[in-house]
């Protein structure tokens, strides 16, 4: 009730403001636009934004619409934009997207955009199977968050007891990367873009396991670690379905181009400061899990993944799986 009152008051203030009124597009349906409809698209630095880099660079035109791309370095800042309704389309961590929707924030999912980007790295110990981890310490990131849940789940699925058969020690992202680069941590589970930085910084480090592949081995060939989702403001979708369809087609083409042209995409990723140098981006793209899977097609696999998170930490999803209307079809 409080939030609704605040939003209503803010709307009244902005509507009555002469400065705001002069800048508002007059809309009585898309065909009667006198000014382009502003569209705000927000992504994060790193793999979650890499698939959209061609759009960010080329700024393709959409008749009747003016699209602004926002690149954020902080998930918290991006979430605050969603909470305030100040972005129309956003690339979010999947569990965050679900929790927001379950909390009444009307941003349904359009597509899965990032699969597992987690890898087990070793500085020396020979790791050819899960049983080779028995008795070792593994450096991890995100205590209680997705990386932790995913790794613990895989340990359990492969007959290892976390914190007993394998010692888990948690670090910040940059700290763990530094320890692995310096050779002061023998084993670690980390994500892109840090994986590329570790491999570049320590010639003795190498990837022992791709956790997305291990997830498939444990849960079936179609199983996915759906780390990132593209969401849309519900009211915007209802009023602009044709645009959203066209935008998604262009976005899908960008994803395909990035995966097939890592050298050229790397140059654009460096140019627009998405957290990688050109060379690092080129090396990271094959490991970055950049995909485009429409939400309706992804639903069963997405829910299977969420069910693991729900069992481990219900609060991470807002206590339940999302309802059917979370899966948007423009």
Protein backbone atom coordinates (compact mmCIF):
# COMPACT_ATOMS: atom_id res chain seq x y z
CA UNK A 1 0.00 0.00 0.00
CA UNK A 2 2.83 2.41 0.91
CA UNK A 3 4.69 1.66 -2.31
CA UNK A 4 1.53 2.18 -4.38
CA UNK A 5 0.88 5.52 -2.67
CA UNK A 6 4.46 6.68 -3.31
CA UNK A 7 4.33 5.66 -6.97
CA UNK A 8 0.93 7.41 -7.40
CA UNK A 9 2.25 10.59 -5.80
CA UNK A 10 5.35 10.52 -7.97
CA UNK A 11 3.21 10.10 -11.07
CA UNK A 12 1.05 13.09 -10.15
CA UNK A 13 4.09 15.28 -9.48
CA UNK A 14 5.74 14.35 -12.77
CA UNK A 15 2.52 14.75 -14.74
CA UNK A 16 1.93 18.24 -13.35
CA UNK A 17 5.51 19.35 -13.91
CA UNK A 18 5.81 21.59 -17.02
CA UNK A 19 9.34 20.37 -17.68
CA UNK A 20 8.24 16.75 -17.67
CA UNK A 21 5.09 17.38 -19.69
CA UNK A 22 7.06 19.05 -22.47
CA UNK A 23 9.31 16.02 -22.80
CA UNK A 24 6.64 13.33 -22.79
CA UNK A 25 5.78 11.58 -26.05
CA UNK A 26 2.11 12.01 -26.93
CA UNK A 27 0.69 8.54 -27.47
CA UNK A 28 -2.78 7.53 -28.47
CA UNK A 29 -1.53 4.27 -29.91
CA UNK A 30 1.75 3.67 -31.74
CA UNK A 31 0.32 4.75 -35.12
CA UNK A 32 -0.45 8.26 -33.82
CA UNK A 33 2.91 9.03 -32.26
CA UNK A 34 4.12 12.59 -32.71
CA UNK A 35 7.40 11.81 -30.94
CA UNK A 36 9.37 8.58 -30.61
CA UNK A 37 8.53 6.42 -27.64
CA UNK A 38 11.57 6.33 -25.34
CA UNK A 39 12.81 2.81 -24.53
CA UNK A 40 15.41 2.19 -21.84
CA UNK A 41 17.35 -1.09 -22.07
CA UNK A 42 19.72 -1.94 -19.22
CA UNK A 43 22.44 -4.60 -19.03
CA UNK A 44 25.32 -5.43 -16.71
CA UNK A 45 29.00 -5.41 -17.49
CA UNK A 46 30.40 -8.88 -18.10
CA UNK A 47 28.77 -11.86 -19.84
CA UNK A 48 25.22 -10.65 -19.17
CA UNK A 49 25.78 -7.63 -21.41
CA UNK A 50 28.04 -9.16 -24.04
CA UNK A 51 25.25 -10.65 -26.13
CA UNK A 52 23.76 -7.19 -26.70
CA UNK A 53 26.99 -5.51 -27.74
CA UNK A 54 26.09 -5.26 -31.43
CA UNK A 55 22.93 -3.33 -30.56
CA UNK A 56 24.81 -1.12 -28.11
CA UNK A 57 27.36 -0.27 -30.78
CA UNK A 58 25.17 0.06 -33.88
CA UNK A 59 22.10 1.61 -32.21
CA UNK A 60 19.72 0.10 -34.79
CA UNK A 61 16.66 2.19 -35.59
CA UNK A 62 13.16 1.08 -34.64
CA UNK A 63 10.47 3.14 -36.32
CA UNK A 64 8.57 5.20 -33.76
CA UNK A 65 10.95 4.37 -30.92
CA UNK A 66 14.13 5.83 -29.48
CA UNK A 67 16.20 3.20 -27.64
CA UNK A 68 18.77 4.11 -25.00
CA UNK A 69 21.20 1.44 -23.78
CA UNK A 70 22.40 1.61 -20.19
CA UNK A 71 25.43 -0.43 -19.07
CA UNK A 72 25.62 -0.85 -15.30
CA UNK A 73 28.58 -2.08 -13.28
CA UNK A 74 26.45 -3.03 -10.28
CA UNK A 75 23.53 -5.48 -10.02
CA UNK A 76 22.19 -3.42 -7.12
CA UNK A 77 21.98 -0.30 -9.27
CA UNK A 78 20.21 -2.23 -12.02
CA UNK A 79 17.73 -3.73 -9.56
CA UNK A 80 16.99 -0.26 -8.19
CA UNK A 81 16.15 0.88 -11.72
CA UNK A 82 13.74 -2.02 -12.08
CA UNK A 83 12.13 -1.29 -8.72
CA UNK A 84 11.58 2.32 -9.74
CA UNK A 85 10.26 1.33 -13.18
CA UNK A 86 12.88 3.51 -14.84
CA UNK A 87 13.96 0.81 -17.33
CA UNK A 88 11.75 -1.02 -19.81
CA UNK A 89 13.93 -4.03 -20.65
CA UNK A 90 16.67 -5.37 -18.39
CA UNK A 91 19.13 -8.27 -18.21
CA UNK A 92 19.03 -9.63 -14.65
CA UNK A 93 20.30 -12.65 -12.73
CA UNK A 94 17.50 -15.21 -13.08
CA UNK A 95 16.89 -15.73 -9.38
CA UNK A 96 16.66 -11.95 -8.89
CA UNK A 97 14.15 -11.69 -11.74
CA UNK A 98 12.01 -14.41 -10.20
CA UNK A 99 12.17 -12.98 -6.69
CA UNK A 100 11.15 -9.53 -7.93
CA UNK A 101 8.21 -10.95 -9.86
CA UNK A 102 7.10 -13.05 -6.91
CA UNK A 103 7.23 -9.84 -4.85
CA UNK A 104 4.78 -8.10 -7.16
CA UNK A 105 7.25 -6.26 -9.40
CA UNK A 106 5.71 -6.63 -12.87
CA UNK A 107 8.71 -7.53 -15.03
CA UNK A 108 8.00 -10.87 -16.74
CA UNK A 109 10.73 -12.82 -18.52
CA UNK A 110 11.29 -12.61 -22.26
CA UNK A 111 14.26 -14.96 -22.62
CA UNK A 112 17.19 -16.71 -21.00
CA UNK A 113 20.35 -14.90 -22.07
CA UNK A 114 23.19 -16.47 -20.05
CA UNK A 115 23.87 -20.09 -19.14
CA UNK A 116 26.43 -21.39 -16.64
CA UNK A 117 29.66 -19.41 -16.62
CA UNK A 118 31.15 -21.30 -13.66
CA UNK A 119 34.33 -23.36 -13.89
CA UNK A 120 36.50 -25.37 -11.54
CA UNK A 121 40.11 -24.27 -11.98
CA UNK A 122 43.23 -26.01 -10.75
CA UNK A 123 46.77 -24.79 -10.18
CA UNK A 124 48.31 -28.22 -9.96
CA UNK A 125 46.17 -31.03 -8.53
CA UNK A 126 45.10 -33.45 -11.23
CA UNK A 127 41.30 -33.41 -11.30
CA UNK A 128 39.79 -35.85 -13.79
CA UNK A 129 36.64 -36.78 -11.88
CA UNK A 130 34.61 -35.59 -8.92
CA UNK A 131 36.17 -38.23 -6.70
CA UNK A 132 39.55 -36.59 -7.28
CA UNK A 133 38.29 -33.67 -5.18
CA UNK A 134 37.97 -35.81 -2.07
CA UNK A 135 40.17 -34.43 0.72
CA UNK A 136 40.87 -31.14 -1.10
CA UNK A 137 40.00 -27.54 -0.26
CA UNK A 138 38.17 -25.60 -2.97
CA UNK A 139 37.98 -21.81 -3.01
CA UNK A 140 34.47 -20.59 -3.82
CA UNK A 141 32.52 -17.38 -4.38
CA UNK A 142 29.05 -16.34 -3.28
CA UNK A 143 28.41 -18.14 -0.01
CA UNK A 144 24.72 -19.08 -0.06
CA UNK A 145 24.24 -17.61 -3.55
CA UNK A 146 23.88 -19.40 -6.89
CA UNK A 147 27.55 -20.43 -7.33
CA UNK A 148 27.55 -21.99 -3.87
CA UNK A 149 24.24 -23.81 -4.40
CA UNK A 150 25.30 -25.07 -7.83
CA UNK A 151 28.65 -26.42 -6.66
CA UNK A 152 27.22 -28.03 -3.51
CA UNK A 153 24.48 -29.64 -5.59
CA UNK A 154 27.00 -31.11 -8.01
CA UNK A 155 29.17 -32.41 -5.17
CA UNK A 156 26.15 -34.15 -3.65
CA UNK A 157 25.02 -35.56 -6.99
CA UNK A 158 28.49 -37.07 -7.37
CA UNK A 159 28.53 -38.78 -3.95
CA UNK A 160 30.58 -36.16 -2.10
CA UNK A 161 29.47 -34.44 1.10
CA UNK A 162 30.19 -30.69 1.04
CA UNK A 163 32.25 -29.48 4.02
CA UNK A 164 33.14 -33.07 4.88
CA UNK A 165 34.59 -34.81 1.82
CA UNK A 166 35.51 -31.46 0.26
CA UNK A 167 36.36 -28.33 2.26
CA UNK A 168 34.74 -25.18 0.89
CA UNK A 169 36.42 -21.86 1.63
CA UNK A 170 34.80 -18.62 0.52
CA UNK A 171 36.39 -15.48 -0.86
CA UNK A 172 35.35 -12.34 -2.67
CA UNK A 173 35.47 -12.53 -6.46
CA UNK A 174 38.62 -10.45 -6.89
CA UNK A 175 40.33 -12.04 -3.87
CA UNK A 176 39.86 -15.59 -5.14
CA UNK A 177 41.04 -14.59 -8.61
CA UNK A 178 44.18 -13.04 -7.11
CA UNK A 179 44.93 -16.15 -5.05
CA UNK A 180 44.56 -18.42 -8.06
CA UNK A 181 46.72 -16.14 -10.22
CA UNK A 182 49.41 -16.05 -7.52
CA UNK A 183 49.26 -19.83 -7.10
CA UNK A 184 48.30 -19.47 -3.43
CA UNK A 185 45.03 -21.38 -3.91
CA UNK A 186 45.21 -24.75 -5.64
CA UNK A 187 41.55 -25.19 -6.57
CA UNK A 188 38.74 -22.69 -7.08
CA UNK A 189 35.28 -22.33 -8.57
CA UNK A 190 34.98 -19.03 -10.40
CA UNK A 191 32.96 -17.32 -13.12
CA UNK A 192 33.69 -15.34 -16.25
CA UNK A 193 35.16 -12.76 -16.69
CA UNK A 194 37.45 -13.77 -13.81
CA UNK A 195 38.17 -17.19 -15.35
CA UNK A 196 39.80 -15.56 -18.37
CA UNK A 197 41.82 -13.21 -16.15
CA UNK A 198 43.05 -16.16 -14.07
CA UNK A 199 44.08 -18.18 -17.11
CA UNK A 200 45.87 -15.16 -18.58
CA UNK A 201 47.58 -14.35 -15.29
CA UNK A 202 48.78 -17.83 -14.36
CA UNK A 203 50.14 -20.14 -17.07
CA UNK A 204 49.93 -23.08 -14.65
CA UNK A 205 46.20 -22.67 -14.10
CA UNK A 206 43.74 -24.56 -16.25
CA UNK A 207 40.07 -25.52 -16.31
CA UNK A 208 39.34 -28.87 -14.72
CA UNK A 209 35.55 -28.80 -15.08
CA UNK A 210 32.86 -26.81 -16.85
CA UNK A 211 30.01 -26.81 -14.32
CA UNK A 212 27.37 -26.32 -17.03
CA UNK A 213 28.52 -29.55 -18.66
CA UNK A 214 28.60 -31.29 -15.28
CA UNK A 215 25.06 -30.04 -14.63
CA UNK A 216 23.93 -31.74 -17.85
CA UNK A 217 25.62 -34.95 -16.83
CA UNK A 218 23.79 -34.87 -13.52
CA UNK A 219 20.35 -33.67 -14.66
CA UNK A 220 20.09 -34.65 -18.32
CA UNK A 221 21.31 -33.42 -21.72
CA UNK A 222 18.77 -30.59 -21.90
CA UNK A 223 19.41 -29.26 -18.38
CA UNK A 224 20.58 -25.67 -18.08
CA UNK A 225 22.08 -23.42 -15.44
CA UNK A 226 19.96 -20.43 -16.39
CA UNK A 227 21.98 -17.69 -14.73
CA UNK A 228 20.63 -14.68 -16.64
CA UNK A 229 17.19 -13.61 -17.87
CA UNK A 230 15.92 -10.74 -20.01
CA UNK A 231 12.83 -9.13 -18.47
CA UNK A 232 10.41 -6.44 -19.61
CA UNK A 233 8.21 -3.96 -17.78
CA UNK A 234 4.73 -5.47 -17.96
CA UNK A 235 2.89 -2.28 -18.90
CA UNK A 236 5.44 -1.48 -21.59
CA UNK A 237 5.04 -4.97 -23.09
CA UNK A 238 1.25 -4.71 -23.15
CA UNK A 239 1.39 -1.41 -25.06
CA UNK A 240 4.34 -2.15 -27.39
CA UNK A 241 4.23 -5.82 -28.40
CA UNK A 242 5.24 -5.22 -32.02
CA UNK A 243 8.31 -3.30 -30.94
CA UNK A 244 9.28 -5.96 -28.38
CA UNK A 245 9.03 -8.68 -31.05
CA UNK A 246 11.26 -6.68 -33.42
CA UNK A 247 13.71 -5.84 -30.65
CA UNK A 248 14.02 -9.50 -29.63
CA UNK A 249 14.71 -10.51 -33.23
CA UNK A 250 17.52 -7.97 -33.43
CA UNK A 251 18.85 -9.06 -30.05
CA UNK A 252 18.85 -12.71 -31.13
CA UNK A 253 20.87 -11.74 -34.21
CA UNK A 254 23.35 -9.91 -31.96
CA UNK A 255 23.78 -13.01 -29.78
CA UNK A 256 24.40 -15.16 -32.85
CA UNK A 257 26.92 -12.66 -34.21
CA UNK A 258 28.84 -12.42 -30.92
CA UNK A 259 29.19 -16.20 -30.71
CA UNK A 260 30.27 -16.54 -34.33
CA UNK A 261 32.55 -13.46 -34.44
CA UNK A 262 34.42 -13.33 -31.11
CA UNK A 263 37.33 -11.30 -32.49
CA UNK A 264 35.10 -8.50 -33.83
CA UNK A 265 32.79 -8.70 -30.82
CA UNK A 266 35.79 -8.44 -28.50
CA UNK A 267 36.76 -5.12 -30.04
CA UNK A 268 33.27 -3.73 -29.40
CA UNK A 269 33.20 -5.08 -25.85
CA UNK A 270 36.44 -3.24 -25.10
CA UNK A 271 35.20 -0.10 -26.87
CA UNK A 272 32.06 0.07 -24.73
CA UNK A 273 33.82 -0.91 -21.49
CA UNK A 274 31.93 -4.09 -20.62
CA UNK A 275 34.72 -5.26 -18.34
CA UNK A 276 37.06 -6.99 -20.80
CA UNK A 277 39.97 -6.06 -23.02
CA UNK A 278 39.51 -7.07 -26.65
CA UNK A 279 41.74 -10.11 -26.32
CA UNK A 280 40.19 -11.20 -23.02
CA UNK A 281 36.68 -10.84 -24.44
CA UNK A 282 37.61 -12.87 -27.51
CA UNK A 283 38.93 -15.65 -25.27
CA UNK A 284 36.00 -15.44 -22.86
CA UNK A 285 33.12 -15.53 -25.36
CA UNK A 286 33.23 -19.32 -25.93
CA UNK A 287 32.98 -19.80 -22.15
CA UNK A 288 30.50 -17.02 -21.43
CA UNK A 289 27.29 -19.00 -21.99
CA UNK A 290 25.75 -16.34 -24.25
CA UNK A 291 22.43 -17.64 -25.58
CA UNK A 292 18.96 -16.58 -26.62
CA UNK A 293 16.21 -18.96 -25.49
CA UNK A 294 12.66 -17.51 -25.56
CA UNK A 295 10.97 -17.83 -22.19
CA UNK A 296 8.15 -20.07 -23.40
CA UNK A 297 10.65 -22.53 -24.89
CA UNK A 298 12.88 -22.37 -21.82
CA UNK A 299 10.14 -22.75 -19.20
CA UNK A 300 10.47 -26.46 -18.35
CA UNK A 301 14.27 -26.39 -18.19
CA UNK A 302 14.18 -23.06 -16.36
CA UNK A 303 11.82 -24.40 -13.71
CA UNK A 304 13.94 -27.52 -13.26
CA UNK A 305 16.91 -25.28 -12.50
CA UNK A 306 14.86 -23.07 -10.19
CA UNK A 307 13.63 -26.12 -8.31
CA UNK A 308 17.21 -26.81 -7.20
CA UNK A 309 17.59 -23.24 -5.96
CA UNK A 310 14.20 -23.40 -4.25
CA UNK A 311 15.11 -26.55 -2.34
CA UNK A 312 18.42 -25.04 -1.20
CA UNK A 313 17.21 -21.51 -0.37
CA UNK A 314 13.50 -20.72 -0.87
CA UNK A 315 14.04 -17.06 -0.03
CA UNK A 316 16.36 -16.65 -3.04
CA UNK A 317 13.25 -16.97 -5.26
CA UNK A 318 10.73 -15.32 -3.00
CA UNK A 319 9.53 -18.64 -1.60
CA UNK A 320 8.08 -20.25 -4.73
CA UNK A 321 8.43 -20.91 -8.42
CA UNK A 322 7.12 -18.07 -10.59
CA UNK A 323 3.53 -18.24 -11.90
CA UNK A 324 2.72 -19.03 -15.52
CA UNK A 325 2.38 -15.36 -16.49
CA UNK A 326 6.05 -14.79 -15.63
CA UNK A 327 6.87 -16.38 -19.00
CA UNK A 328 6.06 -13.65 -21.51
CA UNK A 329 5.32 -14.20 -25.19
CA UNK A 330 5.23 -10.87 -27.03
